């Protein structure tokens, strides 16, 4: 199972652009905000594990 951390680069309406901290050269991942914690802000770090994002 994939376990990694993401940085919220940009919040764009109902979506957030997430960049993996261990692969900074990879394209940002576009994720619906409904799948993310409500209290995220640009620049915060999220932990992804077991198909769930949590604020770090």
N, C-alpha and C. Protein backbone atom coordinates (compact mmCIF):
# COMPACT_ATOMS: atom_id res chain seq x y z
N UNK A 1 0.83 -1.19 0.00
CA UNK A 1 0.00 0.00 0.00
C UNK A 1 0.87 1.25 0.00
N UNK A 2 0.40 2.24 -0.69
CA UNK A 2 1.12 3.50 -0.76
C UNK A 2 0.94 4.29 0.53
N UNK A 3 2.05 4.74 1.10
CA UNK A 3 2.04 5.63 2.25
C UNK A 3 3.02 6.75 1.93
N UNK A 4 2.55 8.00 1.94
CA UNK A 4 3.43 9.12 1.63
C UNK A 4 2.84 10.41 2.19
N UNK A 5 3.62 11.48 2.07
CA UNK A 5 3.19 12.80 2.51
C UNK A 5 3.09 13.73 1.30
N UNK A 6 2.15 14.64 1.38
CA UNK A 6 1.92 15.62 0.32
C UNK A 6 1.92 17.02 0.92
N UNK A 7 2.34 17.99 0.12
CA UNK A 7 2.21 19.40 0.47
C UNK A 7 1.10 19.98 -0.39
N UNK A 8 0.19 20.71 0.22
CA UNK A 8 -0.88 21.36 -0.53
C UNK A 8 -0.28 22.60 -1.20
N UNK A 9 -0.07 22.51 -2.50
CA UNK A 9 0.53 23.62 -3.24
C UNK A 9 -0.47 24.74 -3.54
N UNK A 10 -1.68 24.34 -3.91
CA UNK A 10 -2.67 25.33 -4.34
C UNK A 10 -4.06 24.77 -4.11
N UNK A 11 -4.95 25.63 -3.65
CA UNK A 11 -6.36 25.28 -3.53
C UNK A 11 -7.09 26.04 -4.62
N UNK A 12 -7.79 25.30 -5.46
CA UNK A 12 -8.45 25.88 -6.64
C UNK A 12 -9.92 25.45 -6.63
N UNK A 13 -10.74 26.21 -5.93
CA UNK A 13 -12.16 25.88 -5.86
C UNK A 13 -12.41 24.58 -5.13
N UNK A 14 -12.98 23.61 -5.82
CA UNK A 14 -13.31 22.32 -5.21
C UNK A 14 -12.16 21.32 -5.29
N UNK A 15 -10.99 21.76 -5.74
CA UNK A 15 -9.85 20.86 -5.91
C UNK A 15 -8.61 21.43 -5.24
N UNK A 16 -7.68 20.53 -4.92
CA UNK A 16 -6.39 20.94 -4.36
C UNK A 16 -5.28 20.26 -5.16
N UNK A 17 -4.19 20.99 -5.37
CA UNK A 17 -3.03 20.47 -6.08
C UNK A 17 -2.03 20.01 -5.01
N UNK A 18 -1.73 18.72 -5.00
CA UNK A 18 -0.86 18.14 -3.99
C UNK A 18 0.45 17.67 -4.62
N UNK A 19 1.57 17.96 -3.94
CA UNK A 19 2.88 17.52 -4.42
C UNK A 19 3.49 16.59 -3.38
N UNK A 20 3.94 15.42 -3.85
CA UNK A 20 4.59 14.46 -2.94
C UNK A 20 5.90 15.03 -2.43
N UNK A 21 6.15 14.86 -1.14
CA UNK A 21 7.38 15.40 -0.56
C UNK A 21 8.60 14.58 -0.95
N UNK A 22 8.42 13.29 -1.22
CA UNK A 22 9.55 12.44 -1.59
C UNK A 22 9.84 12.43 -3.09
N UNK A 23 8.93 12.97 -3.90
CA UNK A 23 9.11 13.07 -5.36
C UNK A 23 8.76 14.49 -5.82
N UNK A 24 9.57 15.47 -5.46
CA UNK A 24 9.21 16.87 -5.77
C UNK A 24 9.18 17.22 -7.25
N UNK A 25 9.83 16.42 -8.10
CA UNK A 25 9.84 16.71 -9.54
C UNK A 25 8.63 16.14 -10.27
N UNK A 26 7.84 15.34 -9.59
CA UNK A 26 6.65 14.73 -10.19
C UNK A 26 5.54 15.78 -10.32
N UNK A 27 4.66 15.58 -11.30
CA UNK A 27 3.53 16.49 -11.50
C UNK A 27 2.64 16.50 -10.26
N UNK A 28 2.08 17.66 -9.90
CA UNK A 28 1.15 17.71 -8.77
C UNK A 28 -0.09 16.86 -9.03
N UNK A 29 -0.64 16.31 -7.98
CA UNK A 29 -1.83 15.47 -8.06
C UNK A 29 -3.05 16.35 -7.77
N UNK A 30 -4.06 16.25 -8.61
CA UNK A 30 -5.29 17.02 -8.43
C UNK A 30 -6.29 16.15 -7.67
N UNK A 31 -6.72 16.62 -6.49
CA UNK A 31 -7.60 15.84 -5.62
C UNK A 31 -8.81 16.69 -5.24
N UNK A 32 -9.98 16.09 -5.27
CA UNK A 32 -11.21 16.79 -4.87
C UNK A 32 -11.12 17.13 -3.38
N UNK A 33 -11.49 18.33 -3.02
CA UNK A 33 -11.42 18.77 -1.62
C UNK A 33 -12.34 17.97 -0.72
N UNK A 34 -13.38 17.36 -1.28
CA UNK A 34 -14.28 16.54 -0.48
C UNK A 34 -13.56 15.33 0.12
N UNK A 35 -12.44 14.93 -0.49
CA UNK A 35 -11.66 13.79 0.01
C UNK A 35 -10.60 14.20 1.03
N UNK A 36 -10.44 15.49 1.24
CA UNK A 36 -9.39 16.01 2.12
C UNK A 36 -9.99 16.59 3.40
N UNK A 37 -9.17 16.72 4.45
CA UNK A 37 -9.67 17.35 5.68
C UNK A 37 -10.15 18.77 5.40
N UNK A 38 -11.21 19.19 6.04
CA UNK A 38 -11.82 20.50 5.78
C UNK A 38 -10.90 21.66 6.13
N UNK A 39 -10.00 21.47 7.09
CA UNK A 39 -9.18 22.58 7.59
C UNK A 39 -7.86 22.79 6.84
N UNK A 40 -7.70 22.18 5.66
CA UNK A 40 -6.43 22.35 4.92
C UNK A 40 -6.26 23.79 4.44
N UNK A 41 -5.01 24.20 4.33
CA UNK A 41 -4.64 25.50 3.77
C UNK A 41 -3.46 25.27 2.84
N UNK A 42 -3.20 26.23 1.97
CA UNK A 42 -2.04 26.12 1.09
C UNK A 42 -0.77 26.09 1.94
N UNK A 43 0.11 25.16 1.64
CA UNK A 43 1.36 25.03 2.36
C UNK A 43 1.34 23.98 3.47
N UNK A 44 0.17 23.49 3.84
CA UNK A 44 0.12 22.49 4.91
C UNK A 44 0.52 21.11 4.36
N UNK A 45 0.84 20.19 5.27
CA UNK A 45 1.28 18.85 4.89
C UNK A 45 0.20 17.84 5.24
N UNK A 46 -0.03 16.93 4.30
CA UNK A 46 -1.01 15.86 4.49
C UNK A 46 -0.30 14.51 4.46
N UNK A 47 -0.79 13.58 5.26
CA UNK A 47 -0.28 12.22 5.24
C UNK A 47 -1.33 11.34 4.57
N UNK A 48 -0.88 10.52 3.62
CA UNK A 48 -1.78 9.62 2.89
C UNK A 48 -1.45 8.18 3.26
N UNK A 49 -2.47 7.47 3.72
CA UNK A 49 -2.30 6.06 4.07
C UNK A 49 -3.68 5.39 4.06
N UNK A 50 -3.75 4.18 3.53
CA UNK A 50 -4.98 3.41 3.49
C UNK A 50 -6.12 4.19 2.82
N UNK A 51 -5.81 4.88 1.71
CA UNK A 51 -6.77 5.65 0.92
C UNK A 51 -7.42 6.78 1.71
N UNK A 52 -6.67 7.36 2.67
CA UNK A 52 -7.19 8.42 3.51
C UNK A 52 -6.13 9.49 3.72
N UNK A 53 -6.54 10.75 3.64
CA UNK A 53 -5.65 11.88 3.88
C UNK A 53 -5.89 12.43 5.28
N UNK A 54 -4.81 12.68 6.03
CA UNK A 54 -4.94 13.29 7.34
C UNK A 54 -3.96 14.46 7.44
N UNK A 55 -4.32 15.46 8.19
CA UNK A 55 -3.48 16.63 8.40
C UNK A 55 -2.32 16.24 9.29
N UNK A 56 -1.14 16.63 8.90
CA UNK A 56 0.06 16.26 9.65
C UNK A 56 0.49 17.38 10.56
